[in-house]
C-alpha cells in the first residue's frame, strides 16, 4: 500500500489531469472473468456517507461487492482494507487515481466526493472504462452533467446518480398513486427538506467553489419528489434565497425556496435549508391526497393517503440502489436513476439560480 496519500484539498490545488488522460480502455469483457458473478465496486471518497451507508450496503449486495477505495487519508485506507479485506493493489489515492484503468477487479466506481468534484471524477472513471454511480447532486451545472452523459455514451458505459429514494417502498407507492391518478390529477404539491445544523467554518459545504449550500445537498430531494410525483417536467420556476447567519454563510445563500409550475397549471412549493427541520412530500389531488413525512430519510418513512395509512417494511435503500445498478450493468439495461434524470434536476437548479439572480420567473430548459 502506498504511503503517498495527498489530501483531497491538496490534490485539488495542483491536479491538472482530466478525462482525456486515458488513451486506451479495456472492454467490459476483460474486466469480468468468465466465472465472476459479482462486479467489483470502488468507493471514491471515504467520508461519513461511505462509512455509515455505502460500505455496509456493499457487504449485503448480491450483484456486486466492495473491491477498492480511493482516499487521501492513509489511516482510512488501512482501516477500510482491514474491515473489507481489500487487496493492497486496490487502494488508491488522488494522485494515482488514473491507474484504475488497469485494474480488472474494479468494474464500477461510486463517486462520493464534494459536489464540485463529481463531474471530473465521474468523467475520469468513465474514460477509464468503468461504469459510474455519482452521488447527488450530479454536478454543479447542467453543462457539467451533459459532459458526464457524453463521456458515458462515448465510452459505452453506464452512468447513474445516487437517488436511493426510488428504491424505497413508500416513495414508490407515492409515485404510483400520483402518476396513476388514483385520486385524480395532482394539482398542488409541497416538497421540502431541511434540518437544523451549524456547519464548521472550515467545512466545504460553506464554500461556493466546492458546491456548498443546501440547494445542492438537500434541494435535489424536493426537486426529485416533485418531478416524479407529478410524472412530468416543470416548465417554470420562481425562486428566492435568504441568509440568517451571515457571519457563517459568507459565500453562499443559507435558505432556498422555490415554486415549480407545470404545464397543466399544477404548482409545487419547496424549501431547503439548515435552519428548520422538515422532510415532507405532499400531493393534493382533485379527489384526495398523498403524504410522506418523513419522506426522504434513510429509514423511518411514514406515509398516508386518502386510502389510509401506508405500512411497508423498512428497506436498506443504498443496498437496493447499488445492487440494481450492478444488475443493469450485467444485463445491459438503463438504470431508473440514469444520468439523464440527474441532468433534468440540474436544468431546474440552473433555472433556480437564474431566477434568484434576476428576481423573476424563469423558463426551465427542456430536453
Protein backbone atom coordinates (compact mmCIF):
# COMPACT_ATOMS: atom_id res chain seq x y z
CA UNK A 1 0.00 0.00 0.00
CA UNK A 2 1.48 3.35 -0.99
CA UNK A 3 2.41 5.85 1.68
CA UNK A 4 1.94 8.79 -0.69
CA UNK A 5 -1.58 9.90 0.24
CA UNK A 6 -2.12 13.56 -0.70
CA UNK A 7 -5.20 15.04 0.87
CA UNK A 8 -8.21 15.83 -1.31
CA UNK A 9 -7.73 19.57 -0.80
CA UNK A 10 -4.02 19.39 -1.62
CA UNK A 11 -4.74 17.40 -4.74
CA UNK A 12 -7.32 19.91 -5.96
CA UNK A 13 -4.69 22.65 -5.95
CA UNK A 14 -2.32 21.03 -8.37
CA UNK A 15 -4.26 18.36 -10.25
CA UNK A 16 -4.43 19.08 -13.95
CA UNK A 17 -5.24 15.57 -15.11
CA UNK A 18 -8.68 15.18 -16.60
CA UNK A 19 -10.60 12.58 -18.52
CA UNK A 20 -8.54 12.90 -21.69
CA UNK A 21 -5.57 11.36 -19.92
CA UNK A 22 -6.88 7.89 -20.61
CA UNK A 23 -5.71 6.72 -24.01
CA UNK A 24 -6.80 3.07 -24.01
CA UNK A 25 -9.70 1.39 -22.29
CA UNK A 26 -10.23 -2.31 -21.58
CA UNK A 27 -13.57 -3.74 -22.65
CA UNK A 28 -16.09 -4.92 -20.09
CA UNK A 29 -15.33 -8.46 -21.17
CA UNK A 30 -11.77 -8.07 -19.94
CA UNK A 31 -12.97 -6.60 -16.64
CA UNK A 32 -15.02 -9.68 -15.80
CA UNK A 33 -13.66 -13.19 -15.79
CA UNK A 34 -15.87 -15.93 -17.17
CA UNK A 35 -16.69 -17.29 -13.72
CA UNK A 36 -17.07 -13.99 -11.87
CA UNK A 37 -20.63 -13.45 -10.67
CA UNK A 38 -20.21 -10.20 -8.77
CA UNK A 39 -18.94 -6.87 -10.06
CA UNK A 40 -16.25 -5.01 -8.15
CA UNK A 41 -17.10 -1.55 -6.82
CA UNK A 42 -14.63 1.13 -5.73
CA UNK A 43 -15.73 4.00 -3.50
CA UNK A 44 -14.06 7.32 -4.28
CA UNK A 45 -14.18 9.33 -1.07
CA UNK A 46 -14.47 7.76 2.37
CA UNK A 47 -16.48 10.34 4.28
CA UNK A 48 -19.42 9.76 6.58
CA UNK A 49 -21.83 8.56 3.88
CA UNK A 50 -19.42 5.94 2.58
CA UNK A 51 -18.56 4.85 6.11
CA UNK A 52 -22.08 4.67 7.51
CA UNK A 53 -24.13 3.64 4.48
CA UNK A 54 -22.34 2.62 1.29
CA UNK A 55 -19.70 0.38 2.82
CA UNK A 56 -22.24 -1.56 4.91
CA UNK A 57 -24.56 -1.76 1.89
CA UNK A 58 -21.82 -3.38 -0.18
CA UNK A 59 -21.49 -6.09 2.45
CA UNK A 60 -25.06 -7.14 1.64
CA UNK A 61 -25.32 -6.69 -2.13
CA UNK A 62 -25.70 -9.79 -4.29
CA UNK A 63 -24.62 -8.46 -7.70
CA UNK A 64 -21.52 -6.59 -6.56
CA UNK A 65 -19.03 -6.19 -3.72
CA UNK A 66 -16.55 -3.61 -2.46
CA UNK A 67 -13.28 -4.28 -4.27
CA UNK A 68 -11.41 -0.99 -3.82
CA UNK A 69 -11.31 2.52 -2.40
CA UNK A 70 -9.82 5.90 -3.24
CA UNK A 71 -8.85 8.17 -0.35
CA UNK A 72 -6.35 10.86 0.55
CA UNK A 73 -6.07 9.67 4.15
CA UNK A 74 -3.74 6.72 4.83
CA UNK A 75 -5.41 5.94 8.16
CA UNK A 76 -8.74 5.48 6.39
CA UNK A 77 -7.11 3.30 3.76
CA UNK A 78 -5.69 0.97 6.40
CA UNK A 79 -9.00 0.73 8.25
CA UNK A 80 -11.04 0.01 5.12
CA UNK A 81 -8.50 -2.53 3.88
CA UNK A 82 -8.83 -4.38 7.17
CA UNK A 83 -12.60 -4.06 7.56
CA UNK A 84 -13.38 -5.08 3.98
CA UNK A 85 -10.45 -7.39 3.24
CA UNK A 86 -9.28 -5.23 0.33
CA UNK A 87 -6.25 -6.07 -1.76
CA UNK A 88 -3.33 -3.67 -1.41
CA UNK A 89 -3.31 -3.04 -5.15
CA UNK A 90 -6.93 -1.87 -4.98
CA UNK A 91 -6.21 1.02 -2.59
CA UNK A 92 -5.75 4.29 -4.47
CA UNK A 93 -5.17 7.95 -3.67
CA UNK A 94 -5.90 11.08 -5.68
CA UNK A 95 -2.53 11.10 -7.44
CA UNK A 96 -2.64 7.54 -8.78
CA UNK A 97 -6.40 7.53 -9.45
CA UNK A 98 -5.80 7.22 -13.19
CA UNK A 99 -4.13 3.84 -12.63
CA UNK A 100 -7.57 2.34 -12.00
CA UNK A 101 -7.78 1.92 -15.77
CA UNK A 102 -5.59 -1.18 -15.48
CA UNK A 103 -7.42 -2.76 -12.54
CA UNK A 104 -9.65 -5.65 -13.61
CA UNK A 105 -11.01 -6.03 -10.06
CA UNK A 106 -12.90 -2.73 -10.36
CA UNK A 107 -15.89 -2.55 -12.70
CA UNK A 108 -17.93 0.23 -11.06
CA UNK A 109 -16.78 3.45 -9.45
CA UNK A 110 -19.02 5.24 -6.96
CA UNK A 111 -18.06 8.92 -6.68
CA UNK A 112 -18.76 10.21 -3.16
CA UNK A 113 -16.74 13.44 -3.18
CA UNK A 114 -17.57 17.11 -2.55
CA UNK A 115 -20.04 18.36 -5.14
CA UNK A 116 -17.53 20.33 -7.21
CA UNK A 117 -15.56 17.13 -7.85
CA UNK A 118 -18.44 14.99 -9.10
CA UNK A 119 -18.13 15.79 -12.80
CA UNK A 120 -14.34 15.50 -13.02
CA UNK A 121 -14.01 12.21 -11.18
CA UNK A 122 -17.02 10.67 -12.89
CA UNK A 123 -15.69 11.56 -16.33
CA UNK A 124 -12.24 10.26 -15.48
CA UNK A 125 -13.75 7.00 -14.27
CA UNK A 126 -15.84 6.65 -17.42
CA UNK A 127 -12.79 7.36 -19.57
CA UNK A 128 -11.04 4.57 -17.67
CA UNK A 129 -13.70 2.19 -18.90
CA UNK A 130 -15.55 1.95 -15.60
CA UNK A 131 -19.28 2.24 -15.03
CA UNK A 132 -20.17 5.07 -12.66
CA UNK A 133 -22.58 5.88 -9.88
CA UNK A 134 -22.26 9.55 -8.98
CA UNK A 135 -23.66 10.71 -5.68
CA UNK A 136 -26.19 13.53 -5.83
CA UNK A 137 -26.14 16.27 -6.91
CA UNK A 138 -24.93 15.04 -10.27
CA UNK A 139 -22.82 18.15 -10.84
CA UNK A 140 -22.83 21.91 -10.28
CA UNK A 141 -24.39 22.84 -13.63
CA UNK A 142 -26.36 21.28 -16.43
CA UNK A 143 -23.34 21.77 -18.69
CA UNK A 144 -21.22 19.56 -16.44
CA UNK A 145 -23.99 16.97 -16.36
CA UNK A 146 -24.16 16.94 -20.16
CA UNK A 147 -20.41 16.38 -20.32
CA UNK A 148 -20.76 13.40 -17.99
CA UNK A 149 -23.52 11.90 -20.13
CA UNK A 150 -21.46 12.46 -23.27
CA UNK A 151 -18.49 10.65 -21.71
CA UNK A 152 -20.68 7.68 -20.76
CA UNK A 153 -22.09 7.50 -24.28
CA UNK A 154 -18.67 7.86 -25.88
CA UNK A 155 -17.20 5.08 -23.74
CA UNK A 156 -20.34 2.89 -23.88
CA UNK A 157 -20.56 2.79 -20.10
CA UNK A 158 -23.45 3.09 -17.64
CA UNK A 159 -23.94 6.25 -15.60
CA UNK A 160 -26.37 6.57 -12.70
CA UNK A 161 -27.00 9.03 -9.88
CA UNK A 162 -27.27 8.03 -6.22
CA UNK A 163 -31.02 8.60 -5.97
CA UNK A 164 -31.76 5.94 -3.35
CA UNK A 165 -35.39 7.01 -2.77
CA UNK A 166 -36.53 5.31 -5.96
CA UNK A 167 -35.90 2.00 -4.19
CA UNK A 168 -37.93 2.85 -1.09
CA UNK A 169 -41.44 1.32 -0.98
CA UNK A 170 -43.04 4.47 0.46
CA UNK A 171 -41.72 6.67 -2.33
CA UNK A 172 -42.60 4.04 -4.92
CA UNK A 173 -46.19 3.94 -3.65
CA UNK A 174 -46.48 7.73 -3.55
CA UNK A 175 -45.33 7.90 -7.17
CA UNK A 176 -47.76 5.17 -8.19
CA UNK A 177 -50.77 6.80 -6.54
CA UNK A 178 -49.92 10.14 -8.13
CA UNK A 179 -48.94 9.05 -11.62
CA UNK A 180 -51.86 6.63 -11.95
CA UNK A 181 -54.14 9.45 -10.75
CA UNK A 182 -55.80 7.18 -8.21
CA UNK A 183 -57.27 10.31 -6.58
CA UNK A 184 -57.42 12.33 -9.77
CA UNK A 185 -54.69 14.60 -11.15
CA UNK A 186 -52.13 16.14 -8.81
CA UNK A 187 -52.87 19.87 -8.69
CA UNK A 188 -50.74 21.07 -5.77
CA UNK A 189 -47.57 19.82 -4.08
CA UNK A 190 -45.31 20.70 -1.18
CA UNK A 191 -41.89 19.04 -1.28
CA UNK A 192 -39.27 20.25 1.20
CA UNK A 193 -36.19 19.06 3.07
CA UNK A 194 -34.36 20.87 5.84
CA UNK A 195 -32.70 20.35 9.19
CA UNK A 196 -31.15 22.43 11.94
CA UNK A 197 -27.36 22.43 11.83
CA UNK A 198 -24.32 24.65 12.22
CA UNK A 199 -21.53 23.67 9.83
CA UNK A 200 -17.93 24.11 10.93
CA UNK A 201 -16.48 27.31 9.41
CA UNK A 202 -13.88 25.21 7.57
CA UNK A 203 -16.47 22.86 6.03
CA UNK A 204 -16.51 22.55 2.25
CA UNK A 205 -20.29 22.82 2.50
CA UNK A 206 -19.83 26.56 3.12
CA UNK A 207 -17.55 27.05 0.10
CA UNK A 208 -19.05 28.26 -3.16
CA UNK A 209 -16.18 26.80 -5.19
CA UNK A 210 -16.80 23.35 -3.69
CA UNK A 211 -20.52 23.35 -4.47
CA UNK A 212 -21.68 24.01 -0.94
CA UNK A 213 -25.17 25.07 0.04
CA UNK A 214 -28.48 23.43 0.79
CA UNK A 215 -29.82 23.68 -2.76
CA UNK A 216 -27.23 21.17 -3.96
CA UNK A 217 -27.11 18.98 -0.86
CA UNK A 218 -30.81 18.96 0.06
CA UNK A 219 -32.72 20.68 -2.73
CA UNK A 220 -32.34 17.82 -5.18
CA UNK A 221 -34.66 15.73 -3.00
CA UNK A 222 -37.67 18.09 -3.26
CA UNK A 223 -36.93 18.54 -6.96
CA UNK A 224 -36.87 14.77 -7.47
CA UNK A 225 -40.03 14.36 -5.40
CA UNK A 226 -41.93 16.97 -7.39
CA UNK A 227 -40.85 15.68 -10.80
CA UNK A 228 -41.50 12.03 -10.12
CA UNK A 229 -44.70 12.52 -8.14
CA UNK A 230 -46.22 14.61 -10.89
CA UNK A 231 -44.71 12.40 -13.57
CA UNK A 232 -43.96 15.33 -15.87
CA UNK A 233 -41.32 18.05 -16.03
CA UNK A 234 -41.96 21.56 -14.64
CA UNK A 235 -41.84 24.39 -17.16
CA UNK A 236 -41.26 27.47 -14.97
CA UNK A 237 -39.65 28.26 -11.63
CA UNK A 238 -39.67 31.29 -9.35
CA UNK A 239 -37.04 31.17 -6.60
CA UNK A 240 -35.82 33.10 -3.58
CA UNK A 241 -32.74 32.90 -1.36
CA UNK A 242 -32.08 34.25 2.11
CA UNK A 243 -29.40 34.07 4.79
CA UNK A 244 -29.99 34.32 8.53
CA UNK A 245 -26.45 33.61 9.76
CA UNK A 246 -24.42 35.98 7.63
CA UNK A 247 -21.34 35.52 9.82
CA UNK A 248 -21.23 31.85 8.82
CA UNK A 249 -22.71 31.79 5.32
CA UNK A 250 -20.37 34.31 3.72
CA UNK A 251 -20.02 32.77 0.25
CA UNK A 252 -23.34 31.06 -0.31
CA UNK A 253 -27.01 31.52 0.48
CA UNK A 254 -28.32 29.66 3.51
CA UNK A 255 -32.01 29.18 2.68
CA UNK A 256 -33.70 28.46 -0.64
CA UNK A 257 -37.40 28.50 -1.52
CA UNK A 258 -38.89 27.98 -4.94
CA UNK A 259 -42.14 27.36 -6.78
CA UNK A 260 -42.32 24.98 -9.72
CA UNK A 261 -45.07 25.39 -12.30
CA UNK A 262 -46.19 22.53 -14.54
CA UNK A 263 -47.78 22.73 -17.97
CA UNK A 264 -51.22 21.78 -16.65
CA UNK A 265 -51.14 24.53 -14.02
CA UNK A 266 -50.05 22.38 -11.07
CA UNK A 267 -47.77 24.07 -8.53
CA UNK A 268 -45.12 22.76 -6.14
CA UNK A 269 -43.78 24.86 -3.25
CA UNK A 270 -40.37 23.83 -1.88
CA UNK A 271 -37.77 24.72 0.75
CA UNK A 272 -34.22 23.60 1.51
CA UNK A 273 -32.05 24.88 4.32
CA UNK A 274 -30.26 24.23 7.62
CA UNK A 275 -32.46 26.36 9.88
CA UNK A 276 -35.67 24.32 10.24
CA UNK A 277 -36.47 20.63 10.23
CA UNK A 278 -38.84 19.42 7.56
CA UNK A 279 -38.87 16.26 5.44
CA UNK A 280 -42.15 16.20 3.57
CA UNK A 281 -43.80 15.24 0.32
CA UNK A 282 -47.44 16.26 -0.03
CA UNK A 283 -49.54 15.92 -3.16
CA UNK A 284 -53.01 17.41 -3.23
CA UNK A 285 -55.11 15.71 -5.87
CA UNK A 286 -58.55 16.53 -7.24
CA UNK A 287 -60.23 13.84 -5.12
CA UNK A 288 -57.73 13.13 -2.35
CA UNK A 289 -54.16 13.46 -1.10
CA UNK A 290 -50.82 11.64 -0.77
CA UNK A 291 -48.33 12.41 2.00
CA UNK A 292 -44.93 11.13 3.13
CA UNK A 293 -43.41 12.51 6.34
CA UNK A 294 -40.57 11.75 6.87
CA UNK A 295 -40.20 11.40 3.11
CA UNK A 296 -36.50 11.07 2.29
CA UNK A 297 -34.74 9.79 5.41
CA UNK A 298 -32.54 6.69 5.30
CA UNK A 299 -35.14 4.91 7.41
CA UNK A 300 -38.33 5.64 9.35
CA UNK A 301 -40.52 6.78 6.47
CA UNK A 302 -44.20 7.21 7.18
CA UNK A 303 -46.96 7.71 4.67
CA UNK A 304 -50.69 8.08 4.30
CA UNK A 305 -53.22 8.92 1.66
CA UNK A 306 -56.94 9.13 1.20
CA UNK A 307 -56.84 5.32 1.21
CA UNK A 308 -55.38 5.29 4.73
CA UNK A 309 -52.00 4.71 6.38
CA UNK A 310 -49.19 3.15 4.37
CA UNK A 311 -47.48 0.21 6.03
CA UNK A 312 -44.35 -1.07 4.36
CA UNK A 313 -41.27 -2.86 5.62
CA UNK A 314 -38.22 -0.62 6.00
CA UNK A 315 -35.54 -1.40 3.42
CA UNK A 316 -31.81 -0.77 3.05
CA UNK A 317 -32.17 1.79 0.27
CA UNK A 318 -28.48 2.02 -0.59
CA UNK A 319 -28.15 -1.75 -0.89
CA UNK A 320 -31.06 -1.94 -3.33
CA UNK A 321 -29.81 1.07 -5.29
CA UNK A 322 -26.26 -0.23 -5.78
CA UNK A 323 -27.39 -3.80 -6.45
CA UNK A 324 -29.81 -2.65 -9.13
CA UNK A 325 -27.12 -0.64 -10.89
CA UNK A 326 -24.84 -3.68 -10.94
CA UNK A 327 -27.73 -5.69 -12.38
CA UNK A 328 -28.18 -3.05 -15.08
CA UNK A 329 -24.51 -3.37 -15.98
CA UNK A 330 -24.67 -7.17 -16.10
CA UNK A 331 -27.90 -7.20 -18.13
CA UNK A 332 -27.10 -4.12 -20.23
CA UNK A 333 -30.15 -2.18 -19.08
CA UNK A 334 -30.55 1.52 -18.36
CA UNK A 335 -30.80 2.50 -14.71
CA UNK A 336 -34.05 4.04 -13.48
CA UNK A 337 -31.85 6.77 -11.95
CA UNK A 338 -29.78 7.47 -15.05
CA UNK A 339 -27.58 10.42 -15.86
CA UNK A 340 -30.42 11.90 -17.90
CA UNK A 341 -32.57 12.01 -14.77
CA UNK A 342 -29.77 13.83 -12.98
CA UNK A 343 -29.46 16.26 -15.88
CA UNK A 344 -33.14 17.16 -15.61
CA UNK A 345 -32.56 18.11 -11.97
CA UNK A 346 -29.55 20.21 -12.91
CA UNK A 347 -31.59 22.11 -15.51
CA UNK A 348 -34.01 23.04 -12.73
CA UNK A 349 -31.19 24.02 -10.36
CA UNK A 350 -29.69 26.22 -13.09
CA UNK A 351 -33.09 27.88 -13.52
CA UNK A 352 -33.44 28.37 -9.74
CA UNK A 353 -30.08 30.14 -9.64
CA UNK A 354 -31.08 32.32 -12.59
CA UNK A 355 -34.44 33.21 -11.03
CA UNK A 356 -32.69 34.27 -7.82
CA UNK A 357 -30.20 36.33 -9.82
CA UNK A 358 -32.77 38.28 -11.85
CA UNK A 359 -35.63 38.21 -9.35
CA UNK A 360 -38.15 36.88 -11.86
CA UNK A 361 -39.86 33.73 -13.07
CA UNK A 362 -37.61 31.66 -15.35
CA UNK A 363 -38.48 29.15 -18.04
CA UNK A 364 -36.85 25.77 -17.43
CA UNK A 365 -34.91 24.31 -20.34
CA UNK A 366 -36.41 21.04 -21.56
CA UNK A 367 -34.63 18.04 -23.08
